[in-house]
Amino acid sequence: MNIIVCVKQVPGTSEVEVDQKTGVLKRDGVKSKMNPYDLYALETALAMKGARGAEVSVITMGPPQAAGVVKEAFMMGVDKGFLLSDRRFAGADVLATSYALSQGIRRAGNFDLIVCGKQTTDGDTAQVGPEIAEFLGVPHVANVRRILEVGATAVTVEMDMPEALEVAKVSYPCLVTMEKDSCQPRLPSFKLKLATKDRAISVFTLDDLADRDPSHYGLDGSPTQVLKIFPPVPNDSHELWEGGGKELATRLADKLKHLKFA
């Protein structure tokens, strides 16, 4: 069984700069980390590896520094890593990102299961996983809470729907996106860090893909454009009240009404 997990390197801080011309985040030189949702996707795949002897790969797209999340995945037990890195991929919206990743997955090999995190902390669209599946022409299930059964020809999952839990059986090849808290992600292993420090990462540029038309990638391939993006403004204002319980309760109730929270 071959599994590939889509991971992403996201800013590790809210102190990021924005390119005023393109409206995208400046990622070069920014302290980064693996997208937290992708840790649940990784753990899901690695649990299958332990139970069924599956081969697990990861794929990511980004500048050369994004290789850091691939190396981190190696330290958790992943077997192979792929990096899509080309300046022509820069500035991609969710559609262009999904298309590039689908092309990268095709280039990487044949996979029975593709696992993604539900969303990323720098975009929060939750669209990339399902769009990859659409580009690949495979079935997909989002909002997966638990993997119930891993069969020879299909996987059975439990989805967290707005008002119910739904169970679905999906035939391979397929794609699933994992919810937060679906499992307990493992920590990187120092032993595996030493064992994989020289493991090669396969790097794909546009010229390595089946579709080499640059108009399908990056800003040129993005039908949506960001009008404005900015880091959150910190709000550290506070008030200190003193008084008895009844007095403070009344004052708090009045404050909540004034702020239209009640």
C-alpha atoms as a PDB file:
ATOM      1  CA  MET A   1       0.000   0.000   0.000  1.00  0.00           C
ATOM      2  CA  ASN A   2       1.381   3.394  -1.015  1.00  0.00           C
ATOM      3  CA  ILE A   3       0.306   6.522   0.841  1.00  0.00           C
ATOM      4  CA  ILE A   4       1.280  10.136   0.157  1.00  0.00           C
ATOM      5  CA  VAL A   5       0.651  12.967   2.587  1.00  0.00           C
ATOM      6  CA  CYS A   6       0.398  16.606   1.520  1.00  0.00           C
ATOM      7  CA  VAL A   7       2.184  18.890   3.992  1.00  0.00           C
ATOM      8  CA  LYS A   8       2.883  22.600   4.051  1.00  0.00           C
ATOM      9  CA  GLN A   9       5.339  24.926   5.736  1.00  0.00           C
ATOM     10  CA  VAL A  10       3.466  27.846   7.302  1.00  0.00           C
ATOM     11  CA  PRO A  11       4.685  30.946   9.157  1.00  0.00           C
ATOM     12  CA  GLY A  12       5.495  30.176  12.771  1.00  0.00           C
ATOM     13  CA  THR A  13       4.592  33.704  13.822  1.00  0.00           C
ATOM     14  CA  SER A  14       1.988  36.359  13.073  1.00  0.00           C
ATOM     15  CA  GLU A  15       4.805  38.868  12.490  1.00  0.00           C
ATOM     16  CA  VAL A  16       4.942  38.449   8.714  1.00  0.00           C
ATOM     17  CA  GLU A  17       5.322  40.905   5.853  1.00  0.00           C
ATOM     18  CA  VAL A  18       3.018  41.158   2.875  1.00  0.00           C
ATOM     19  CA  ASP A  19       4.065  41.946  -0.695  1.00  0.00           C
ATOM     20  CA  GLN A  20       2.065  45.100  -1.394  1.00  0.00           C
ATOM     21  CA  LYS A  21       2.138  44.490  -5.141  1.00  0.00           C
ATOM     22  CA  THR A  22       1.009  40.851  -5.260  1.00  0.00           C
ATOM     23  CA  GLY A  23      -0.835  40.642  -1.930  1.00  0.00           C
ATOM     24  CA  VAL A  24       0.920  37.397  -0.905  1.00  0.00           C
ATOM     25  CA  LEU A  25       2.979  36.579   2.174  1.00  0.00           C
ATOM     26  CA  LYS A  26       6.741  37.046   2.043  1.00  0.00           C
ATOM     27  CA  ARG A  27       7.904  33.602   3.165  1.00  0.00           C
ATOM     28  CA  ASP A  28      11.648  33.849   2.524  1.00  0.00           C
ATOM     29  CA  GLY A  29      13.561  34.152   5.779  1.00  0.00           C
ATOM     30  CA  VAL A  30      10.425  33.870   7.945  1.00  0.00           C
ATOM     31  CA  LYS A  31      10.486  31.484  10.899  1.00  0.00           C
ATOM     32  CA  SER A  32       8.310  28.571   9.814  1.00  0.00           C
ATOM     33  CA  LYS A  33       6.778  25.334  11.053  1.00  0.00           C
ATOM     34  CA  MET A  34       4.745  22.430   9.712  1.00  0.00           C
ATOM     35  CA  ASN A  35       1.060  23.204   9.343  1.00  0.00           C
ATOM     36  CA  PRO A  36      -0.533  21.835  12.556  1.00  0.00           C
ATOM     37  CA  TYR A  37      -3.402  20.125  10.705  1.00  0.00           C
ATOM     38  CA  ASP A  38      -0.868  18.205   8.594  1.00  0.00           C
ATOM     39  CA  LEU A  39       0.510  16.554  11.721  1.00  0.00           C
ATOM     40  CA  TYR A  40      -2.791  14.670  12.071  1.00  0.00           C
ATOM     41  CA  ALA A  41      -2.622  13.611   8.425  1.00  0.00           C
ATOM     42  CA  LEU A  42       0.947  12.384   8.938  1.00  0.00           C
ATOM     43  CA  GLU A  43       0.068  10.440  12.068  1.00  0.00           C
ATOM     44  CA  THR A  44      -2.868   8.807  10.272  1.00  0.00           C
ATOM     45  CA  ALA A  45      -0.583   7.618   7.465  1.00  0.00           C
ATOM     46  CA  LEU A  46       2.183   6.464   9.815  1.00  0.00           C
ATOM     47  CA  ALA A  47      -0.311   4.478  11.900  1.00  0.00           C
ATOM     48  CA  MET A  48      -1.306   2.660   8.692  1.00  0.00           C
ATOM     49  CA  LYS A  49       2.363   2.048   7.996  1.00  0.00           C
ATOM     50  CA  GLY A  50       2.764   0.427  11.384  1.00  0.00           C
ATOM     51  CA  ALA A  51      -0.369  -1.685  11.012  1.00  0.00           C
ATOM     52  CA  ARG A  52      -0.127  -2.702   7.351  1.00  0.00           C
ATOM     53  CA  GLY A  53       3.460  -2.087   6.319  1.00  0.00           C
ATOM     54  CA  ALA A  54       2.506   0.742   3.963  1.00  0.00           C
ATOM     55  CA  GLU A  55       5.082   2.973   2.315  1.00  0.00           C
ATOM     56  CA  VAL A  56       4.512   6.622   3.262  1.00  0.00           C
ATOM     57  CA  SER A  57       5.682   9.629   1.253  1.00  0.00           C
ATOM     58  CA  VAL A  58       5.156  13.355   1.707  1.00  0.00           C
ATOM     59  CA  ILE A  59       4.882  16.137  -0.850  1.00  0.00           C
ATOM     60  CA  THR A  60       5.008  19.883  -0.345  1.00  0.00           C
ATOM     61  CA  MET A  61       5.219  23.008  -2.484  1.00  0.00           C
ATOM     62  CA  GLY A  62       7.221  26.078  -1.612  1.00  0.00           C
ATOM     63  CA  PRO A  63      10.644  27.756  -1.737  1.00  0.00           C
ATOM     64  CA  PRO A  64      13.781  25.668  -1.075  1.00  0.00           C
ATOM     65  CA  GLN A  65      13.419  26.225   2.688  1.00  0.00           C
ATOM     66  CA  ALA A  66      10.187  24.170   2.564  1.00  0.00           C
ATOM     67  CA  ALA A  67      12.437  21.099   2.483  1.00  0.00           C
ATOM     68  CA  GLY A  68      12.523  21.566   6.249  1.00  0.00           C
ATOM     69  CA  VAL A  69       9.046  20.062   6.692  1.00  0.00           C
ATOM     70  CA  VAL A  70      10.036  17.079   4.539  1.00  0.00           C
ATOM     71  CA  LYS A  71      13.054  16.470   6.776  1.00  0.00           C
ATOM     72  CA  GLU A  72      10.801  16.770   9.817  1.00  0.00           C
ATOM     73  CA  ALA A  73       8.500  14.152   8.277  1.00  0.00           C
ATOM     74  CA  PHE A  74      11.515  11.854   7.817  1.00  0.00           C
ATOM     75  CA  MET A  75      12.159  12.200  11.558  1.00  0.00           C
ATOM     76  CA  MET A  76       8.660  10.876  12.204  1.00  0.00           C
ATOM     77  CA  GLY A  77       9.035   7.790  10.029  1.00  0.00           C
ATOM     78  CA  VAL A  78       8.184   8.860   6.475  1.00  0.00           C
ATOM     79  CA  ASP A  79       9.988   6.952   3.717  1.00  0.00           C
ATOM     80  CA  LYS A  80      10.152   9.381   0.776  1.00  0.00           C
ATOM     81  CA  GLY A  81       9.863  13.135   0.270  1.00  0.00           C
ATOM     82  CA  PHE A  82       9.001  15.328  -2.715  1.00  0.00           C
ATOM     83  CA  LEU A  83       9.324  19.101  -3.028  1.00  0.00           C
ATOM     84  CA  LEU A  84       7.682  21.229  -5.726  1.00  0.00           C
ATOM     85  CA  SER A  85       9.870  24.318  -5.927  1.00  0.00           C
ATOM     86  CA  ASP A  86       9.952  26.782  -8.798  1.00  0.00           C
ATOM     87  CA  ARG A  87       9.546  30.560  -8.898  1.00  0.00           C
ATOM     88  CA  ARG A  88       6.825  30.000 -11.504  1.00  0.00           C
ATOM     89  CA  PHE A  89       4.710  28.366  -8.760  1.00  0.00           C
ATOM     90  CA  ALA A  90       4.875  31.483  -6.559  1.00  0.00           C
ATOM     91  CA  GLY A  91       1.740  33.442  -5.683  1.00  0.00           C
ATOM     92  CA  ALA A  92      -0.639  30.556  -6.411  1.00  0.00           C
ATOM     93  CA  ASP A  93      -4.191  30.677  -5.090  1.00  0.00           C
ATOM     94  CA  VAL A  94      -5.945  27.505  -3.892  1.00  0.00           C
ATOM     95  CA  LEU A  95      -6.807  26.387  -7.432  1.00  0.00           C
ATOM     96  CA  ALA A  96      -3.296  26.820  -8.842  1.00  0.00           C
ATOM     97  CA  THR A  97      -1.816  25.262  -5.700  1.00  0.00           C
ATOM     98  CA  SER A  98      -4.128  22.251  -5.973  1.00  0.00           C
ATOM     99  CA  TYR A  99      -3.316  21.814  -9.648  1.00  0.00           C
ATOM    100  CA  ALA A 100       0.452  21.983  -9.052  1.00  0.00           C
ATOM    101  CA  LEU A 101       0.217  19.450  -6.216  1.00  0.00           C
ATOM    102  CA  SER A 102      -1.901  17.111  -8.350  1.00  0.00           C
ATOM    103  CA  GLN A 103       0.742  17.280 -11.077  1.00  0.00           C
ATOM    104  CA  GLY A 104       3.458  16.657  -8.506  1.00  0.00           C
ATOM    105  CA  ILE A 105       1.615  13.617  -7.131  1.00  0.00           C
ATOM    106  CA  ARG A 106       1.278  12.203 -10.653  1.00  0.00           C
ATOM    107  CA  ARG A 107       5.015  12.734 -11.149  1.00  0.00           C
ATOM    108  CA  ALA A 108       5.867  11.142  -7.794  1.00  0.00           C
ATOM    109  CA  GLY A 109       4.160   7.826  -8.571  1.00  0.00           C
ATOM    110  CA  ASN A 110       0.994   5.799  -8.103  1.00  0.00           C
ATOM    111  CA  PHE A 111      -0.643   6.040  -4.692  1.00  0.00           C
ATOM    112  CA  ASP A 112      -3.532   4.170  -3.134  1.00  0.00           C
ATOM    113  CA  LEU A 113      -4.320   6.874  -0.599  1.00  0.00           C
ATOM    114  CA  ILE A 114      -3.665  10.615  -0.413  1.00  0.00           C
ATOM    115  CA  VAL A 115      -3.984  12.171   3.041  1.00  0.00           C
ATOM    116  CA  CYS A 116      -4.246  15.910   3.715  1.00  0.00           C
ATOM    117  CA  GLY A 117      -4.855  18.056   6.757  1.00  0.00           C
ATOM    118  CA  LYS A 118      -8.275  19.685   6.807  1.00  0.00           C
ATOM    119  CA  GLN A 119      -6.826  23.156   6.184  1.00  0.00           C
ATOM    120  CA  THR A 120      -3.788  25.350   6.721  1.00  0.00           C
ATOM    121  CA  THR A 121      -3.306  28.011   9.363  1.00  0.00           C
ATOM    122  CA  ASP A 122      -2.149  30.617   6.832  1.00  0.00           C
ATOM    123  CA  GLY A 123      -5.084  30.224   4.445  1.00  0.00           C
ATOM    124  CA  ASP A 124      -7.906  28.411   6.253  1.00  0.00           C
ATOM    125  CA  THR A 125      -9.745  27.662   3.003  1.00  0.00           C
ATOM    126  CA  ALA A 126     -10.010  23.854   3.442  1.00  0.00           C
ATOM    127  CA  GLN A 127     -10.250  23.643  -0.359  1.00  0.00           C
ATOM    128  CA  VAL A 128      -6.877  22.299  -1.489  1.00  0.00           C
ATOM    129  CA  GLY A 129      -7.438  18.635  -0.567  1.00  0.00           C
ATOM    130  CA  PRO A 130     -10.779  18.202  -2.373  1.00  0.00           C
ATOM    131  CA  GLU A 131      -9.489  20.169  -5.378  1.00  0.00           C
ATOM    132  CA  ILE A 132      -6.442  17.896  -5.676  1.00  0.00           C
ATOM    133  CA  ALA A 133      -8.817  14.923  -5.773  1.00  0.00           C
ATOM    134  CA  GLU A 134     -10.904  16.571  -8.485  1.00  0.00           C
ATOM    135  CA  PHE A 135      -7.827  17.241 -10.622  1.00  0.00           C
ATOM    136  CA  LEU A 136      -6.696  13.638 -10.154  1.00  0.00           C
ATOM    137  CA  GLY A 137     -10.188  12.279 -10.828  1.00  0.00           C
ATOM    138  CA  VAL A 138     -10.335  10.242  -7.605  1.00  0.00           C
ATOM    139  CA  PRO A 139     -13.044  10.089  -4.897  1.00  0.00           C
ATOM    140  CA  HIS A 140     -12.484  12.073  -1.728  1.00  0.00           C
ATOM    141  CA  VAL A 141     -13.895  12.494   1.765  1.00  0.00           C
ATOM    142  CA  ALA A 142     -13.367  15.636   3.863  1.00  0.00           C
ATOM    143  CA  ASN A 143     -13.708  16.253   7.621  1.00  0.00           C
ATOM    144  CA  VAL A 144     -12.558  12.735   8.499  1.00  0.00           C
ATOM    145  CA  ARG A 145     -12.648  12.163  12.244  1.00  0.00           C
ATOM    146  CA  ARG A 146     -11.454   8.557  12.342  1.00  0.00           C
ATOM    147  CA  ILE A 147     -10.177   5.813  10.068  1.00  0.00           C
ATOM    148  CA  LEU A 148     -12.397   2.860  10.938  1.00  0.00           C
ATOM    149  CA  GLU A 149     -10.971   0.194   8.633  1.00  0.00           C
ATOM    150  CA  VAL A 150      -8.166  -0.053   6.107  1.00  0.00           C
ATOM    151  CA  GLY A 151      -9.126  -2.766   3.640  1.00  0.00           C
ATOM    152  CA  ALA A 152      -7.406  -4.267   0.628  1.00  0.00           C
ATOM    153  CA  THR A 153      -9.488  -2.270  -1.864  1.00  0.00           C
ATOM    154  CA  ALA A 154     -11.111   0.510   0.187  1.00  0.00           C
ATOM    155  CA  VAL A 155     -10.876   2.574   3.353  1.00  0.00           C
ATOM    156  CA  THR A 156     -13.791   3.129   5.736  1.00  0.00           C
ATOM    157  CA  VAL A 157     -13.891   6.489   7.491  1.00  0.00           C
ATOM    158  CA  GLU A 158     -16.041   8.415   9.926  1.00  0.00           C
ATOM    159  CA  MET A 159     -16.820  12.012   8.963  1.00  0.00           C
ATOM    160  CA  ASP A 160     -17.626  14.806  11.389  1.00  0.00           C
ATOM    161  CA  MET A 161     -20.660  16.474   9.795  1.00  0.00           C
ATOM    162  CA  PRO A 162     -22.416  19.560  11.236  1.00  0.00           C
ATOM    163  CA  GLU A 163     -25.191  17.594  12.957  1.00  0.00           C
ATOM    164  CA  ALA A 164     -24.148  13.949  12.705  1.00  0.00           C
ATOM    165  CA  LEU A 165     -21.315  11.460  12.287  1.00  0.00           C
ATOM    166  CA  GLU A 166     -21.358   9.837   8.858  1.00  0.00           C
ATOM    167  CA  VAL A 167     -19.561   6.639   7.816  1.00  0.00           C
ATOM    168  CA  ALA A 168     -18.310   6.162   4.253  1.00  0.00           C
ATOM    169  CA  LYS A 169     -16.407   3.415   2.450  1.00  0.00           C
ATOM    170  CA  VAL A 170     -14.199   4.777  -0.321  1.00  0.00           C
ATOM    171  CA  SER A 171     -12.364   2.713  -2.946  1.00  0.00           C
ATOM    172  CA  TYR A 172      -8.693   3.249  -3.766  1.00  0.00           C
ATOM    173  CA  PRO A 173      -7.219   5.404  -5.099  1.00  0.00           C
ATOM    174  CA  CYS A 174      -8.829   8.125  -3.009  1.00  0.00           C
ATOM    175  CA  LEU A 175      -8.122  11.207  -0.903  1.00  0.00           C
ATOM    176  CA  VAL A 176      -9.125  12.044   2.664  1.00  0.00           C
ATOM    177  CA  THR A 177      -8.674  15.212   4.718  1.00  0.00           C
ATOM    178  CA  MET A 178      -8.196  14.780   8.450  1.00  0.00           C
ATOM    179  CA  GLU A 179      -9.827  16.817  11.192  1.00  0.00           C
ATOM    180  CA  LYS A 180      -7.869  18.320  14.053  1.00  0.00           C
ATOM    181  CA  ASP A 181      -7.656  16.038  17.106  1.00  0.00           C
ATOM    182  CA  SER A 182      -8.416  12.948  15.006  1.00  0.00           C
ATOM    183  CA  CYS A 183      -5.357  11.321  16.626  1.00  0.00           C
ATOM    184  CA  GLN A 184      -2.325  12.156  18.738  1.00  0.00           C
ATOM    185  CA  PRO A 185       0.590  13.171  16.466  1.00  0.00           C
ATOM    186  CA  ARG A 186       3.965  11.703  17.361  1.00  0.00           C
ATOM    187  CA  LEU A 187       7.064  13.764  18.023  1.00  0.00           C
ATOM    188  CA  PRO A 188      10.128  13.726  15.744  1.00  0.00           C
ATOM    189  CA  SER A 189      12.674  11.075  16.689  1.00  0.00           C
ATOM    190  CA  PHE A 190      16.308  12.016  17.292  1.00  0.00           C
ATOM    191  CA  LYS A 191      17.292   8.501  16.264  1.00  0.00           C
ATOM    192  CA  LEU A 192      15.451   8.896  12.943  1.00  0.00           C
ATOM    193  CA  LYS A 193      16.968  12.356  12.536  1.00  0.00           C
ATOM    194  CA  LEU A 194      20.425  10.809  12.553  1.00  0.00           C
ATOM    195  CA  ALA A 195      19.345   7.922  10.341  1.00  0.00           C
ATOM    196  CA  THR A 196      17.740  10.159   7.687  1.00  0.00           C
ATOM    197  CA  LYS A 197      20.030  13.216   7.755  1.00  0.00           C
ATOM    198  CA  ASP A 198      21.446  12.319   4.325  1.00  0.00           C
ATOM    199  CA  ARG A 199      18.204  11.040   2.792  1.00  0.00           C
ATOM    200  CA  ALA A 200      17.570  12.679  -0.570  1.00  0.00           C
ATOM    201  CA  ILE A 201      14.500  14.794  -1.278  1.00  0.00           C
ATOM    202  CA  SER A 202      13.206  14.659  -4.863  1.00  0.00           C
ATOM    203  CA  VAL A 203      12.771  18.230  -6.112  1.00  0.00           C
ATOM    204  CA  PHE A 204      10.384  18.901  -9.007  1.00  0.00           C
ATOM    205  CA  THR A 205      10.312  22.094 -11.047  1.00  0.00           C
ATOM    206  CA  LEU A 206       7.775  23.018 -13.704  1.00  0.00           C
ATOM    207  CA  ASP A 207       9.953  21.326 -16.302  1.00  0.00           C
ATOM    208  CA  ASP A 208       9.568  17.974 -14.492  1.00  0.00           C
ATOM    209  CA  LEU A 209       5.774  17.934 -14.691  1.00  0.00           C
ATOM    210  CA  ALA A 210       3.555  16.515 -17.428  1.00  0.00           C
ATOM    211  CA  ASP A 211       1.856  19.892 -17.925  1.00  0.00           C
ATOM    212  CA  ARG A 212       4.600  22.471 -18.455  1.00  0.00           C
ATOM    213  CA  ASP A 213       2.331  25.387 -19.401  1.00  0.00           C
ATOM    214  CA  PRO A 214       3.374  28.216 -17.006  1.00  0.00           C
ATOM    215  CA  SER A 215      -0.034  29.877 -17.384  1.00  0.00           C
ATOM    216  CA  HIS A 216      -1.534  27.047 -15.292  1.00  0.00           C
ATOM    217  CA  TYR A 217       0.610  27.797 -12.232  1.00  0.00           C
ATOM    218  CA  GLY A 218       1.437  30.572  -9.799  1.00  0.00           C
ATOM    219  CA  LEU A 219      -0.123  33.995 -10.176  1.00  0.00           C
ATOM    220  CA  ASP A 220      -0.771  33.422 -13.891  1.00  0.00           C
ATOM    221  CA  GLY A 221      -2.819  30.305 -13.139  1.00  0.00           C
ATOM    222  CA  SER A 222      -4.780  31.844 -10.275  1.00  0.00           C
ATOM    223  CA  PRO A 223      -8.328  32.960 -11.154  1.00  0.00           C
ATOM    224  CA  THR A 224      -8.682  34.683  -7.770  1.00  0.00           C
ATOM    225  CA  GLN A 225      -6.567  37.546  -6.519  1.00  0.00           C
ATOM    226  CA  VAL A 226      -6.133  38.752  -2.951  1.00  0.00           C
ATOM    227  CA  LEU A 227      -7.281  42.362  -2.618  1.00  0.00           C
ATOM    228  CA  LYS A 228      -5.808  42.873   0.825  1.00  0.00           C
ATOM    229  CA  ILE A 229      -3.964  40.772   3.383  1.00  0.00           C
ATOM    230  CA  PHE A 230      -2.441  41.876   6.655  1.00  0.00           C
ATOM    231  CA  PRO A 231      -1.186  40.330   9.892  1.00  0.00           C
ATOM    232  CA  PRO A 232      -3.539  40.530  12.884  1.00  0.00           C
ATOM    233  CA  VAL A 233      -3.212  43.642  15.011  1.00  0.00           C
ATOM    234  CA  PRO A 234      -2.334  42.691  18.593  1.00  0.00           C
ATOM    235  CA  ASN A 235      -4.866  43.790  21.183  1.00  0.00           C
ATOM    236  CA  ASP A 236      -3.342  43.870  24.648  1.00  0.00           C
ATOM    237  CA  SER A 237      -5.669  46.430  26.219  1.00  0.00           C
ATOM    238  CA  HIS A 238      -7.154  45.438  29.561  1.00  0.00           C
ATOM    239  CA  GLU A 239      -9.034  46.799  32.564  1.00  0.00           C
ATOM    240  CA  LEU A 240      -8.568  45.946  36.228  1.00  0.00           C
ATOM    241  CA  TRP A 241     -11.680  46.031  38.391  1.00  0.00           C
ATOM    242  CA  GLU A 242     -11.945  45.797  42.145  1.00  0.00           C
ATOM    243  CA  GLY A 243     -15.046  45.194  44.235  1.00  0.00           C
ATOM    244  CA  GLY A 244     -17.355  42.611  45.677  1.00  0.00           C
ATOM    245  CA  GLY A 245     -18.804  39.663  43.785  1.00  0.00           C
ATOM    246  CA  LYS A 246     -22.264  41.181  43.218  1.00  0.00           C
ATOM    247  CA  GLU A 247     -20.829  44.526  42.142  1.00  0.00           C
ATOM    248  CA  LEU A 248     -18.351  42.934  39.722  1.00  0.00           C
ATOM    249  CA  ALA A 249     -20.988  40.590  38.271  1.00  0.00           C
ATOM    250  CA  THR A 250     -23.278  43.530  37.526  1.00  0.00           C
ATOM    251  CA  ARG A 251     -20.440  45.518  36.022  1.00  0.00           C
ATOM    252  CA  LEU A 252     -19.373  42.577  33.851  1.00  0.00           C
ATOM    253  CA  ALA A 253     -22.932  42.059  32.600  1.00  0.00           C
ATOM    254  CA  ASP A 254     -23.178  45.751  31.691  1.00  0.00           C
ATOM    255  CA  LYS A 255     -19.831  45.587  29.894  1.00  0.00           C
ATOM    256  CA  LEU A 256     -20.900  42.557  27.830  1.00  0.00           C
ATOM    257  CA  LYS A 257     -24.104  44.335  26.826  1.00  0.00           C
ATOM    258  CA  HIS A 258     -22.129  47.424  25.851  1.00  0.00           C
ATOM    259  CA  LEU A 259     -19.849  45.277  23.653  1.00  0.00           C
ATOM    260  CA  LYS A 260     -22.932  43.568  22.182  1.00  0.00           C
ATOM    261  CA  PHE A 261     -21.788  40.148  23.422  1.00  0.00           C
ATOM    262  CA  ALA A 262     -24.999  39.683  25.370  1.00  0.00           C
END
